[in-house]
C-alpha atoms as a PDB file:
ATOM      1  CA  UNK A   1      25.797  -3.058 -16.319  1.00  0.00           C
ATOM      2  CA  UNK A   2      24.703  -7.052 -16.455  1.00  0.00           C
ATOM      3  CA  UNK A   3      24.166  -8.613 -13.105  1.00  0.00           C
ATOM      4  CA  UNK A   4      25.501 -12.180 -12.399  1.00  0.00           C
ATOM      5  CA  UNK A   5      23.133 -14.929 -11.393  1.00  0.00           C
ATOM      6  CA  UNK A   6      23.396 -13.745  -7.467  1.00  0.00           C
ATOM      7  CA  UNK A   7      22.870 -10.311  -8.433  1.00  0.00           C
ATOM      8  CA  UNK A   8      19.679 -10.945 -10.516  1.00  0.00           C
ATOM      9  CA  UNK A   9      18.242 -13.093  -7.462  1.00  0.00           C
ATOM     10  CA  UNK A  10      19.114 -10.361  -4.919  1.00  0.00           C
ATOM     11  CA  UNK A  11      17.317  -7.675  -7.516  1.00  0.00           C
ATOM     12  CA  UNK A  12      14.224  -9.997  -7.834  1.00  0.00           C
ATOM     13  CA  UNK A  13      13.943 -10.487  -4.031  1.00  0.00           C
ATOM     14  CA  UNK A  14      14.045  -6.918  -3.281  1.00  0.00           C
ATOM     15  CA  UNK A  15      11.835  -6.120  -6.042  1.00  0.00           C
ATOM     16  CA  UNK A  16       9.021  -8.534  -4.911  1.00  0.00           C
ATOM     17  CA  UNK A  17       9.448  -7.637  -1.429  1.00  0.00           C
ATOM     18  CA  UNK A  18       8.886  -3.864  -2.482  1.00  0.00           C
ATOM     19  CA  UNK A  19       5.802  -4.860  -4.676  1.00  0.00           C
ATOM     20  CA  UNK A  20       4.413  -6.732  -1.659  1.00  0.00           C
ATOM     21  CA  UNK A  21       4.923  -3.379   0.628  1.00  0.00           C
ATOM     22  CA  UNK A  22       3.296  -1.280  -1.936  1.00  0.00           C
ATOM     23  CA  UNK A  23       0.240  -3.706  -2.912  1.00  0.00           C
ATOM     24  CA  UNK A  24      -0.405  -3.944   0.872  1.00  0.00           C
ATOM     25  CA  UNK A  25      -0.449  -0.565   1.571  1.00  0.00           C
ATOM     26  CA  UNK A  26      -2.592   0.766  -1.638  1.00  0.00           C
ATOM     27  CA  UNK A  27      -5.009  -1.994  -1.336  1.00  0.00           C
ATOM     28  CA  UNK A  28      -5.274  -1.073   2.440  1.00  0.00           C
ATOM     29  CA  UNK A  29      -5.821   2.274   1.977  1.00  0.00           C
ATOM     30  CA  UNK A  30      -7.974   2.094  -1.142  1.00  0.00           C
ATOM     31  CA  UNK A  31     -10.647   0.285   1.144  1.00  0.00           C
ATOM     32  CA  UNK A  32     -11.005   3.500   3.282  1.00  0.00           C
ATOM     33  CA  UNK A  33     -11.049   5.678   0.390  1.00  0.00           C
ATOM     34  CA  UNK A  34     -13.855   3.490  -1.138  1.00  0.00           C
ATOM     35  CA  UNK A  35     -15.738   3.032   2.304  1.00  0.00           C
ATOM     36  CA  UNK A  36     -16.292   6.728   2.943  1.00  0.00           C
ATOM     37  CA  UNK A  37     -18.518   9.354   1.042  1.00  0.00           C
ATOM     38  CA  UNK A  38     -15.990  11.923   1.365  1.00  0.00           C
ATOM     39  CA  UNK A  39     -12.548  12.409   2.612  1.00  0.00           C
ATOM     40  CA  UNK A  40     -13.114  14.822   5.120  1.00  0.00           C
ATOM     41  CA  UNK A  41     -16.489  15.269   7.115  1.00  0.00           C
ATOM     42  CA  UNK A  42     -18.652  13.110   9.051  1.00  0.00           C
ATOM     43  CA  UNK A  43     -18.520  10.087   7.299  1.00  0.00           C
ATOM     44  CA  UNK A  44     -15.446   8.453   8.672  1.00  0.00           C
ATOM     45  CA  UNK A  45     -14.632   4.344   8.278  1.00  0.00           C
ATOM     46  CA  UNK A  46     -15.605   2.382  11.422  1.00  0.00           C
ATOM     47  CA  UNK A  47     -13.082   1.975  14.261  1.00  0.00           C
ATOM     48  CA  UNK A  48     -12.501  -1.861  13.281  1.00  0.00           C
ATOM     49  CA  UNK A  49     -11.805  -1.000   9.695  1.00  0.00           C
ATOM     50  CA  UNK A  50      -9.413   1.810  10.348  1.00  0.00           C
ATOM     51  CA  UNK A  51      -7.706  -0.476  12.951  1.00  0.00           C
ATOM     52  CA  UNK A  52      -7.347  -3.459  10.451  1.00  0.00           C
ATOM     53  CA  UNK A  53      -6.141  -1.040   7.802  1.00  0.00           C
ATOM     54  CA  UNK A  54      -3.485   0.571  10.337  1.00  0.00           C
ATOM     55  CA  UNK A  55      -2.624  -3.105  11.513  1.00  0.00           C
ATOM     56  CA  UNK A  56      -1.740  -4.161   7.707  1.00  0.00           C
ATOM     57  CA  UNK A  57       0.096  -0.868   7.186  1.00  0.00           C
ATOM     58  CA  UNK A  58       2.432  -1.805  10.212  1.00  0.00           C
ATOM     59  CA  UNK A  59       2.482  -5.204   9.705  1.00  0.00           C
ATOM     60  CA  UNK A  60       3.393  -5.291   6.091  1.00  0.00           C
ATOM     61  CA  UNK A  61       6.141  -2.489   7.062  1.00  0.00           C
ATOM     62  CA  UNK A  62       7.695  -4.553   9.726  1.00  0.00           C
ATOM     63  CA  UNK A  63       7.650  -8.010   7.456  1.00  0.00           C
ATOM     64  CA  UNK A  64       9.281  -5.796   4.535  1.00  0.00           C
ATOM     65  CA  UNK A  65      11.925  -4.263   6.563  1.00  0.00           C
ATOM     66  CA  UNK A  66      12.951  -7.215   8.928  1.00  0.00           C
ATOM     67  CA  UNK A  67      14.757 -10.238   8.766  1.00  0.00           C
ATOM     68  CA  UNK A  68      11.361 -12.442   8.541  1.00  0.00           C
ATOM     69  CA  UNK A  69      10.509 -11.642   5.123  1.00  0.00           C
ATOM     70  CA  UNK A  70      13.761 -13.969   4.180  1.00  0.00           C
ATOM     71  CA  UNK A  71      11.415 -16.629   5.470  1.00  0.00           C
ATOM     72  CA  UNK A  72       9.353 -16.044   2.240  1.00  0.00           C
ATOM     73  CA  UNK A  73      11.937 -15.828   0.195  1.00  0.00           C
ATOM     74  CA  UNK A  74      12.084 -12.082  -0.609  1.00  0.00           C
ATOM     75  CA  UNK A  75      14.852  -9.646   0.776  1.00  0.00           C
ATOM     76  CA  UNK A  76      14.705  -6.903   3.277  1.00  0.00           C
ATOM     77  CA  UNK A  77      13.922  -3.387   2.209  1.00  0.00           C
ATOM     78  CA  UNK A  78      15.875  -0.341   3.131  1.00  0.00           C
ATOM     79  CA  UNK A  79      14.428   1.698   5.729  1.00  0.00           C
ATOM     80  CA  UNK A  80      14.059   4.946   3.218  1.00  0.00           C
ATOM     81  CA  UNK A  81      11.920   2.820   0.668  1.00  0.00           C
ATOM     82  CA  UNK A  82       8.996   3.452   3.406  1.00  0.00           C
ATOM     83  CA  UNK A  83       9.164   6.992   2.333  1.00  0.00           C
ATOM     84  CA  UNK A  84       8.965   6.294  -1.262  1.00  0.00           C
ATOM     85  CA  UNK A  85       5.944   3.532  -0.921  1.00  0.00           C
ATOM     86  CA  UNK A  86       4.201   6.511   1.482  1.00  0.00           C
ATOM     87  CA  UNK A  87       4.488   8.957  -1.345  1.00  0.00           C
ATOM     88  CA  UNK A  88       3.281   6.538  -4.010  1.00  0.00           C
ATOM     89  CA  UNK A  89       0.344   5.493  -1.873  1.00  0.00           C
ATOM     90  CA  UNK A  90      -0.916   9.143  -1.083  1.00  0.00           C
ATOM     91  CA  UNK A  91      -0.350  10.031  -4.938  1.00  0.00           C
ATOM     92  CA  UNK A  92      -2.492   6.888  -5.807  1.00  0.00           C
ATOM     93  CA  UNK A  93      -5.243   7.877  -3.140  1.00  0.00           C
ATOM     94  CA  UNK A  94      -5.267  11.197  -4.606  1.00  0.00           C
ATOM     95  CA  UNK A  95      -5.973   9.450  -8.154  1.00  0.00           C
ATOM     96  CA  UNK A  96      -8.606   7.591  -6.635  1.00  0.00           C
ATOM     97  CA  UNK A  97     -10.447   9.899  -4.665  1.00  0.00           C
ATOM     98  CA  UNK A  98     -10.760  12.189  -8.006  1.00  0.00           C
ATOM     99  CA  UNK A  99     -11.877   9.003 -10.043  1.00  0.00           C
ATOM    100  CA  UNK A 100     -14.516   8.144  -7.069  1.00  0.00           C
ATOM    101  CA  UNK A 101     -15.816  12.011  -6.724  1.00  0.00           C
ATOM    102  CA  UNK A 102     -16.413  11.788 -10.763  1.00  0.00           C
ATOM    103  CA  UNK A 103     -18.124   8.664 -10.492  1.00  0.00           C
ATOM    104  CA  UNK A 104     -20.247   9.555  -7.540  1.00  0.00           C
ATOM    105  CA  UNK A 105     -20.984  12.804  -9.456  1.00  0.00           C
ATOM    106  CA  UNK A 106     -22.718  10.736 -12.164  1.00  0.00           C
ATOM    107  CA  UNK A 107     -24.061   7.993  -9.859  1.00  0.00           C
ATOM    108  CA  UNK A 108     -25.778   7.796  -6.603  1.00  0.00           C
ATOM    109  CA  UNK A 109     -23.673   5.177  -4.991  1.00  0.00           C
ATOM    110  CA  UNK A 110     -20.513   3.382  -5.565  1.00  0.00           C
ATOM    111  CA  UNK A 111     -22.124  -0.109  -5.325  1.00  0.00           C
END
């Protein structure tokens, strides 16, 4: 089924809003994974970093779900999309954690 011009524009605006949300979440959460030596245990990120990541997650979700997203030319996402992004983010973080663990088994530091 082909979309008309209005349908294409709406699809593009929603796709870009979803991409923005997904990128904001995964990039913010990857900071936490790369910052700590291990996921569990005493090596936890500093409070300021954890707070900044939390603020980024909430702010990007509110932006993507609310009417303010139209100010930047995107379309508001349905609420169920947060669940999809959360699931994809968890899967992405599992992959990042595995790759980090393999890398750290061969090197002494991430940097």
